[in-house]
Amino acid sequence: MKKEYPVEKAYETADGLVSVYDLLSTFADAEMQVEGISRVSDLHIKEGEPLRFRVDGILQELDGGVSVTGEVFEQLVFPILSENNLQKWKEGKVNDIDCGYYWEDEGINFRINLFRERDGFACVIRMLPKFVPPLEEFAFMGEGIGERLCSLRQGLVLVTGVTSSGKTTTVASLLDAINNQRACRIITLEDPIEFVFKSKQALISQRELGTHIEDFGQGLRSALRENPDVIYVGEIRDKETAALALTAAETGHLVISTLHTKDVKGAFSRLVDMFEADRAEEVSSQLSFLTAAIISQKLAARKERAGRIPVFEVLLNDSALSHLIRSAKWHQIYGKLETSSKLGMNTLEQHLLKLVEENEISSEEAAHLANDPSIMSRLGL
């Protein structure tokens, strides 16, 4: 696609001037990878500040980097925007743009968020993994759990966690596993499209917010008329999306989505709180029989080597949990997870302790990531 702004070596570093593609190549640098996964997750560009990469979760200034001027900002960011997004930005029609960029030379997808702020312009560029990791590689997988998730025909599956905790990668692994195993119809609603899937056993259609759909609510209403078996909603953000997701699960579809909550029990309270207070009992009842599984996750720094490892809390709904959900006894869910390891469930703290025992992470990192650090001492840390 023709770019109005040429790619120039515009940013001064200790090694001389570099272009935006020189910067993006850092993500693909073999020396910055662990087991094929880049330690570099994000590039931060902000007017009046040096460039910063996020490495192993920590922001680091680029060696010898100078403060970004308005002109340099344009030379670094504008070449990787589509003509449509560039035009909207230049005309001042939007204050932020969330979009994707595919670097064809390296075969890498990036997620770009461009926004206006007090000091001028800022941008965050995140690299998405080239390959979707197999579902079996995730540490939360007990015997048969992966097969159980992939075989679900209806209900609600949620992946929760804070920003940059790996939720999208987990969902992509689940969708890819279903794609490999089942002849079904998958519709995804994303903001933006991050992992690009090719239809295998399944027939997949991916739709992007702002490009193919106006919002998740409109996309869900449309998806229900498109004969899907599986619907992926990028994020449940509001009451309308939550209500439509529950309706889709209730009408026989498997609905997969994400939420920004730090633990499993928080997913229930977050969803219920999206609705009016007088509907709390009704929504809790719906969740009690529609919820199939909830996976909450964080990323922990490895102890002996560079890189990070995912840590999971897992709920697989059963009759006992269904009763707690229906009764809105959120505080009792943790205890149920803690005692249900034979059923494939676990708390975040149990997984943290296991990783400490395996010398994968330090006890300090485990205590830092625990939702309740006092629980770690009770578990023996």
Protein backbone atom coordinates (compact mmCIF):
# COMPACT_ATOMS: atom_id res chain seq x y z
CA MET A 1 0.00 0.00 0.00
CA LYS A 2 1.39 3.41 -0.92
CA LYS A 3 2.50 5.48 2.06
CA GLU A 4 2.31 9.26 2.10
CA TYR A 5 5.23 9.37 4.55
CA PRO A 6 8.48 7.69 3.41
CA VAL A 7 10.40 5.38 5.69
CA GLU A 8 13.40 7.35 6.93
CA LYS A 9 16.21 6.80 9.40
CA ALA A 10 14.89 9.46 11.71
CA TYR A 11 15.66 8.52 15.32
CA GLU A 12 19.10 9.06 16.85
CA THR A 13 20.57 6.30 19.04
CA ALA A 14 24.03 5.31 20.27
CA ASP A 15 24.45 3.33 17.03
CA GLY A 16 23.35 6.16 14.76
CA LEU A 17 20.08 6.97 13.04
CA VAL A 18 17.43 4.23 12.79
CA SER A 19 14.09 3.85 11.00
CA VAL A 20 10.86 2.43 12.36
CA TYR A 21 11.72 -0.90 10.70
CA ASP A 22 15.10 -0.96 12.44
CA LEU A 23 13.19 -0.57 15.70
CA LEU A 24 10.65 -3.25 14.82
CA SER A 25 13.47 -5.64 13.99
CA THR A 26 14.37 -5.62 17.71
CA PHE A 27 11.27 -7.74 18.32
CA ALA A 28 12.60 -10.37 15.90
CA ASP A 29 16.20 -10.32 17.17
CA ALA A 30 17.21 -13.89 18.01
CA GLU A 31 19.36 -12.64 20.89
CA MET A 32 16.22 -11.20 22.50
CA GLN A 33 14.27 -14.47 22.37
CA VAL A 34 13.76 -17.32 24.80
CA GLU A 35 12.48 -20.60 23.34
CA GLY A 36 11.38 -18.73 20.23
CA ILE A 37 9.42 -16.09 22.20
CA SER A 38 10.64 -12.51 22.20
CA ARG A 39 11.50 -10.96 25.56
CA VAL A 40 10.53 -7.61 24.01
CA SER A 41 6.78 -7.07 24.13
CA ASP A 42 6.21 -3.35 23.44
CA LEU A 43 7.78 -0.24 21.97
CA HIS A 44 6.72 3.09 23.54
CA ILE A 45 7.01 6.29 21.51
CA LYS A 46 6.14 9.60 23.19
CA GLU A 47 6.84 13.16 22.16
CA GLY A 48 9.49 14.77 24.37
CA GLU A 49 10.83 11.43 25.68
CA PRO A 50 13.40 8.86 24.52
CA LEU A 51 12.06 5.61 23.06
CA ARG A 52 11.48 2.76 25.49
CA PHE A 53 11.14 -0.98 24.95
CA ARG A 54 9.37 -3.21 27.45
CA VAL A 55 11.69 -6.16 28.08
CA ASP A 56 10.55 -8.95 30.41
CA GLY A 57 7.82 -6.62 31.62
CA ILE A 58 10.17 -3.72 32.47
CA LEU A 59 10.49 -0.46 30.49
CA GLN A 60 14.03 0.25 29.29
CA GLU A 61 15.27 3.34 27.46
CA LEU A 62 17.00 2.75 24.16
CA ASP A 63 20.77 3.22 24.50
CA GLY A 64 21.73 6.74 23.49
CA GLY A 65 18.17 7.54 22.50
CA VAL A 66 17.21 11.20 22.28
CA SER A 67 13.85 12.82 22.98
CA VAL A 68 11.30 12.35 20.21
CA THR A 69 10.23 15.51 18.39
CA GLY A 70 6.91 15.92 16.62
CA GLU A 71 8.61 15.50 13.24
CA VAL A 72 10.44 12.34 14.31
CA PHE A 73 7.21 10.96 15.80
CA GLU A 74 5.52 11.27 12.40
CA GLN A 75 8.47 9.66 10.63
CA LEU A 76 8.37 6.68 13.01
CA VAL A 77 4.63 6.11 13.26
CA PHE A 78 2.93 7.32 10.09
CA PRO A 79 4.62 4.79 7.72
CA ILE A 80 2.94 1.87 9.53
CA LEU A 81 -0.59 3.32 9.53
CA SER A 82 -3.12 2.54 6.83
CA GLU A 83 -4.12 5.43 4.57
CA ASN A 84 -7.57 5.47 6.18
CA ASN A 85 -6.24 5.69 9.74
CA LEU A 86 -3.60 8.22 8.74
CA GLN A 87 -6.22 10.46 7.16
CA LYS A 88 -8.49 10.29 10.22
CA TRP A 89 -5.56 11.14 12.48
CA LYS A 90 -4.36 14.07 10.37
CA GLU A 91 -7.86 15.52 10.17
CA GLY A 92 -8.19 15.35 13.95
CA LYS A 93 -11.33 13.21 13.74
CA VAL A 94 -10.11 10.83 16.46
CA ASN A 95 -8.05 11.11 19.64
CA ASP A 96 -6.83 7.54 19.56
CA ILE A 97 -6.49 4.76 17.02
CA ASP A 98 -6.24 1.05 17.82
CA CYS A 99 -5.20 -0.95 14.79
CA GLY A 100 -3.00 -3.72 13.51
CA TYR A 101 0.02 -3.76 11.23
CA TYR A 102 1.47 -6.73 9.37
CA TRP A 103 5.20 -6.50 8.59
CA GLU A 104 5.33 -8.66 5.52
CA ASP A 105 9.13 -8.88 5.31
CA GLU A 106 9.35 -10.56 8.73
CA GLY A 107 5.89 -12.11 8.83
CA ILE A 108 5.09 -10.38 12.14
CA ASN A 109 1.79 -8.87 13.28
CA PHE A 110 1.82 -5.79 15.50
CA ARG A 111 -0.90 -4.08 17.47
CA ILE A 112 -0.67 -0.27 17.41
CA ASN A 113 -2.35 2.19 19.75
CA LEU A 114 -1.86 5.83 18.80
CA PHE A 115 -3.23 8.56 21.07
CA ARG A 116 -3.16 12.25 21.88
CA GLU A 117 -2.15 13.30 25.39
CA ARG A 118 -1.10 16.38 27.38
CA ASP A 119 2.42 16.52 25.95
CA GLY A 120 1.42 15.81 22.37
CA PHE A 121 1.31 12.40 20.71
CA ALA A 122 2.16 8.94 22.01
CA CYS A 123 2.12 5.44 20.56
CA VAL A 124 2.52 1.90 21.80
CA ILE A 125 3.48 -0.87 19.38
CA ARG A 126 3.07 -4.46 20.58
CA MET A 127 4.35 -7.52 18.77
CA LEU A 128 2.08 -10.51 18.50
CA PRO A 129 3.68 -13.97 18.45
CA LYS A 130 4.31 -15.38 14.97
CA PHE A 131 2.89 -18.74 15.91
CA VAL A 132 0.05 -19.76 18.17
CA PRO A 133 1.45 -21.98 20.94
CA PRO A 134 -0.23 -25.40 21.21
CA LEU A 135 -2.80 -25.57 23.99
CA GLU A 136 -0.94 -28.49 25.56
CA GLU A 137 2.05 -26.25 26.29
CA PHE A 138 0.20 -24.23 28.88
CA ALA A 139 1.11 -25.15 32.43
CA PHE A 140 -2.47 -25.07 33.68
CA MET A 141 -3.34 -28.10 31.56
CA GLY A 142 -4.05 -31.15 33.68
CA GLU A 143 -4.84 -34.53 32.19
CA GLY A 144 -7.71 -34.22 29.74
CA ILE A 145 -8.40 -30.52 30.43
CA GLY A 146 -7.36 -29.38 26.96
CA GLU A 147 -9.60 -31.97 25.35
CA ARG A 148 -12.45 -30.96 27.63
CA LEU A 149 -12.21 -27.30 26.65
CA CYS A 150 -11.98 -28.09 22.94
CA SER A 151 -14.94 -30.45 23.07
CA LEU A 152 -17.31 -27.89 24.60
CA ARG A 153 -20.31 -27.33 22.37
CA GLN A 154 -22.00 -24.52 24.29
CA GLY A 155 -21.61 -22.26 27.28
CA LEU A 156 -19.36 -19.40 28.30
CA VAL A 157 -15.56 -19.62 28.53
CA LEU A 158 -13.75 -16.58 29.95
CA VAL A 159 -10.06 -15.77 30.02
CA THR A 160 -9.33 -13.01 32.53
CA GLY A 161 -6.33 -11.02 33.67
CA VAL A 162 -4.81 -7.58 33.71
CA THR A 163 -3.51 -5.88 30.57
CA SER A 164 -0.49 -7.65 29.00
CA SER A 165 -1.07 -10.89 30.88
CA GLY A 166 -1.30 -13.07 27.76
CA LYS A 167 -5.08 -13.45 27.51
CA THR A 168 -5.14 -13.06 23.73
CA THR A 169 -2.49 -15.77 23.28
CA THR A 170 -4.41 -18.20 25.49
CA VAL A 171 -7.63 -17.59 23.55
CA ALA A 172 -5.78 -17.97 20.25
CA SER A 173 -4.40 -21.33 21.39
CA LEU A 174 -7.88 -22.52 22.31
CA LEU A 175 -9.38 -21.36 18.99
CA ASP A 176 -6.52 -22.93 17.05
CA ALA A 177 -7.02 -26.24 18.85
CA ILE A 178 -10.75 -26.19 18.02
CA ASN A 179 -9.88 -25.27 14.43
CA ASN A 180 -7.59 -28.31 14.22
CA GLN A 181 -10.06 -30.76 15.74
CA ARG A 182 -13.65 -29.87 14.87
CA ALA A 183 -15.64 -29.27 11.72
CA CYS A 184 -17.51 -26.22 12.99
CA ARG A 185 -18.15 -22.55 12.22
CA ILE A 186 -16.11 -19.98 14.16
CA ILE A 187 -16.87 -16.25 14.12
CA THR A 188 -14.43 -13.89 15.85
CA LEU A 189 -15.12 -10.26 16.81
CA GLU A 190 -11.82 -8.51 17.60
CA ASP A 191 -10.38 -5.08 18.39
CA PRO A 192 -8.16 -5.32 16.41
CA ILE A 193 -7.52 -8.70 14.74
CA GLU A 194 -4.30 -9.96 16.29
CA PHE A 195 -3.75 -13.61 15.33
CA VAL A 196 -4.73 -14.45 11.77
CA PHE A 197 -6.25 -17.92 11.41
CA LYS A 198 -6.56 -20.10 8.33
CA SER A 199 -9.55 -22.44 8.20
CA LYS A 200 -8.58 -26.06 8.84
CA GLN A 201 -11.24 -28.44 10.17
CA ALA A 202 -13.29 -25.38 11.11
CA LEU A 203 -14.51 -22.55 8.88
CA ILE A 204 -13.34 -19.26 10.40
CA SER A 205 -14.42 -15.67 9.77
CA GLN A 206 -12.59 -12.87 11.60
CA ARG A 207 -14.22 -9.45 11.94
CA GLU A 208 -12.56 -6.30 13.24
CA LEU A 209 -14.08 -3.47 15.25
CA GLY A 210 -14.23 -0.29 13.19
CA THR A 211 -13.56 -2.13 9.93
CA HIS A 212 -16.20 -4.87 9.70
CA ILE A 213 -18.41 -4.13 12.73
CA GLU A 214 -19.38 -0.96 14.61
CA ASP A 215 -19.07 -2.44 18.10
CA PHE A 216 -19.12 -5.81 19.85
CA GLY A 217 -22.86 -5.60 20.45
CA GLN A 218 -23.63 -5.10 16.78
CA GLY A 219 -21.15 -7.81 15.86
CA LEU A 220 -22.75 -10.28 18.27
CA ARG A 221 -26.24 -9.58 16.96
CA SER A 222 -24.96 -10.14 13.44
CA ALA A 223 -23.02 -13.29 14.42
CA LEU A 224 -26.14 -14.93 15.79
CA ARG A 225 -27.57 -14.81 12.25
CA GLU A 226 -24.44 -16.30 10.70
CA ASN A 227 -24.92 -19.91 11.83
CA PRO A 228 -21.88 -20.05 14.17
CA ASP A 229 -20.91 -22.86 16.52
CA VAL A 230 -18.21 -20.84 18.29
CA ILE A 231 -18.19 -17.06 18.82
CA TYR A 232 -15.14 -15.23 20.13
CA VAL A 233 -15.79 -11.74 21.52
CA GLY A 234 -12.54 -9.83 22.06
CA GLU A 235 -13.69 -8.36 25.38
CA ILE A 236 -16.91 -8.01 27.37
CA ARG A 237 -16.86 -4.30 28.17
CA ASP A 238 -20.45 -3.33 28.87
CA LYS A 239 -23.94 -4.50 29.71
CA GLU A 240 -25.08 -4.86 26.11
CA THR A 241 -22.16 -7.09 25.14
CA ALA A 242 -22.53 -9.11 28.35
CA ALA A 243 -26.26 -9.64 27.78
CA LEU A 244 -25.78 -10.70 24.16
CA ALA A 245 -22.91 -13.03 25.09
CA LEU A 246 -25.12 -14.73 27.69
CA THR A 247 -27.95 -14.98 25.17
CA ALA A 248 -25.63 -16.56 22.61
CA ALA A 249 -24.40 -19.10 25.17
CA GLU A 250 -27.98 -19.78 26.24
CA THR A 251 -29.09 -20.47 22.67
CA GLY A 252 -26.57 -23.27 22.18
CA HIS A 253 -23.36 -21.56 21.12
CA LEU A 254 -19.90 -21.74 22.65
CA VAL A 255 -18.95 -18.15 23.53
CA ILE A 256 -15.33 -17.33 24.36
CA SER A 257 -14.34 -13.90 25.65
CA THR A 258 -12.01 -11.96 27.96
CA LEU A 259 -12.41 -9.75 31.01
CA HIS A 260 -10.04 -7.51 32.94
CA THR A 261 -10.17 -9.09 36.39
CA LYS A 262 -7.32 -10.33 38.59
CA ASP A 263 -8.94 -13.65 39.57
CA VAL A 264 -11.70 -16.10 38.76
CA LYS A 265 -14.21 -14.98 41.36
CA GLY A 266 -13.82 -11.39 40.21
CA ALA A 267 -15.16 -12.37 36.78
CA PHE A 268 -18.56 -13.18 38.27
CA SER A 269 -18.87 -10.00 40.31
CA ARG A 270 -17.67 -7.94 37.34
CA LEU A 271 -20.32 -9.39 35.02
CA VAL A 272 -23.13 -9.08 37.56
CA ASP A 273 -22.16 -5.48 38.33
CA MET A 274 -22.60 -4.55 34.67
CA PHE A 275 -26.35 -4.97 35.11
CA GLU A 276 -28.90 -3.12 37.23
CA ALA A 277 -29.01 -4.15 40.89
CA ASP A 278 -32.48 -5.63 40.54
CA ARG A 279 -31.17 -8.06 37.89
CA ALA A 280 -28.29 -9.40 40.01
CA GLU A 281 -30.13 -12.59 41.01
CA GLU A 282 -31.23 -13.27 37.43
CA VAL A 283 -27.73 -12.78 36.00
CA SER A 284 -26.14 -14.91 38.75
CA SER A 285 -28.58 -17.68 37.90
CA GLN A 286 -27.69 -17.44 34.19
CA LEU A 287 -23.98 -17.57 34.96
CA SER A 288 -24.44 -20.60 37.20
CA PHE A 289 -25.52 -22.84 34.32
CA LEU A 290 -23.93 -21.06 31.34
CA THR A 291 -20.36 -20.77 32.65
CA ALA A 292 -18.26 -23.66 31.38
CA ALA A 293 -14.77 -22.51 32.38
CA ILE A 294 -12.85 -19.47 33.56
CA ILE A 295 -9.08 -19.12 33.29
CA SER A 296 -7.40 -16.21 35.06
CA GLN A 297 -3.75 -15.55 34.37
CA LYS A 298 -0.63 -13.48 35.05
CA LEU A 299 2.93 -13.50 33.73
CA ALA A 300 5.82 -14.24 36.12
CA ALA A 301 9.51 -13.45 35.63
CA ARG A 302 11.62 -16.61 35.38
CA LYS A 303 14.22 -17.16 38.07
CA GLU A 304 17.17 -18.77 36.33
CA ARG A 305 16.87 -17.27 32.86
CA ALA A 306 15.35 -14.41 30.94
CA GLY A 307 11.73 -14.38 29.91
CA ARG A 308 8.37 -14.84 31.59
CA ILE A 309 6.09 -17.78 32.29
CA PRO A 310 2.28 -17.78 32.54
CA VAL A 311 0.57 -18.53 35.84
CA PHE A 312 -3.05 -19.67 35.87
CA GLU A 313 -6.10 -19.97 38.08
CA VAL A 314 -8.62 -22.42 36.63
CA LEU A 315 -12.33 -22.99 37.22
CA LEU A 316 -14.24 -25.79 35.49
CA ASN A 317 -17.89 -25.51 36.44
CA ASP A 318 -19.60 -28.36 38.28
CA SER A 319 -22.72 -28.72 40.43
CA ALA A 320 -21.05 -27.46 43.61
CA LEU A 321 -19.63 -24.39 41.91
CA SER A 322 -22.89 -23.78 40.09
CA HIS A 323 -24.64 -23.52 43.46
CA LEU A 324 -22.08 -20.98 44.73
CA ILE A 325 -22.41 -18.92 41.55
CA ARG A 326 -26.20 -18.96 41.64
CA SER A 327 -26.17 -17.89 45.30
CA ALA A 328 -23.58 -15.16 44.58
CA LYS A 329 -21.25 -16.64 47.20
CA TRP A 330 -18.19 -15.42 45.36
CA HIS A 331 -15.99 -15.60 48.47
CA GLN A 332 -16.44 -19.36 48.68
CA ILE A 333 -15.27 -20.05 45.13
CA TYR A 334 -11.60 -19.81 46.09
CA GLY A 335 -11.91 -22.62 48.63
CA LYS A 336 -13.63 -24.83 46.05
CA LEU A 337 -10.81 -24.28 43.55
CA GLU A 338 -8.22 -24.97 46.24
CA THR A 339 -9.65 -28.42 46.95
CA SER A 340 -10.48 -29.50 43.38
CA SER A 341 -7.09 -30.34 41.90
CA LYS A 342 -8.31 -33.82 40.93
CA LEU A 343 -10.92 -32.13 38.76
CA GLY A 344 -8.29 -30.02 37.00
CA MET A 345 -8.87 -26.82 38.98
CA ASN A 346 -6.42 -24.76 40.98
CA THR A 347 -5.90 -21.35 42.54
CA LEU A 348 -3.33 -18.86 41.31
CA GLU A 349 -1.40 -19.29 44.55
CA GLN A 350 -1.22 -23.07 44.11
CA HIS A 351 0.26 -22.63 40.67
CA LEU A 352 2.72 -20.04 41.98
CA LEU A 353 3.84 -22.41 44.71
CA LYS A 354 4.30 -25.21 42.17
CA LEU A 355 6.52 -22.97 40.03
CA VAL A 356 8.60 -22.00 43.07
CA GLU A 357 9.07 -25.68 43.95
CA GLU A 358 10.15 -26.37 40.36
CA ASN A 359 12.64 -23.47 40.62
CA GLU A 360 10.98 -21.69 37.71
CA ILE A 361 10.27 -18.48 39.66
CA SER A 362 11.54 -16.95 42.89
CA SER A 363 9.56 -16.90 46.14
CA GLU A 364 9.69 -13.09 45.99
CA GLU A 365 8.09 -13.10 42.55
CA ALA A 366 5.40 -15.51 43.77
CA ALA A 367 4.58 -13.30 46.76
CA HIS A 368 4.47 -10.25 44.48
CA LEU A 369 2.01 -11.86 42.05
CA ALA A 370 -0.24 -13.56 44.61
CA ASN A 371 -3.69 -12.00 44.84
CA ASP A 372 -3.41 -12.46 48.61
CA PRO A 373 0.26 -12.76 49.69
CA SER A 374 -0.79 -14.11 53.11
CA ILE A 375 -2.10 -17.24 51.39
CA MET A 376 1.41 -18.10 50.23
CA SER A 377 2.59 -18.62 53.82
CA ARG A 378 -0.41 -20.84 54.49
CA LEU A 379 0.51 -22.94 51.47
CA GLY A 380 4.05 -23.35 52.76
CA LEU A 381 6.00 -20.51 51.14
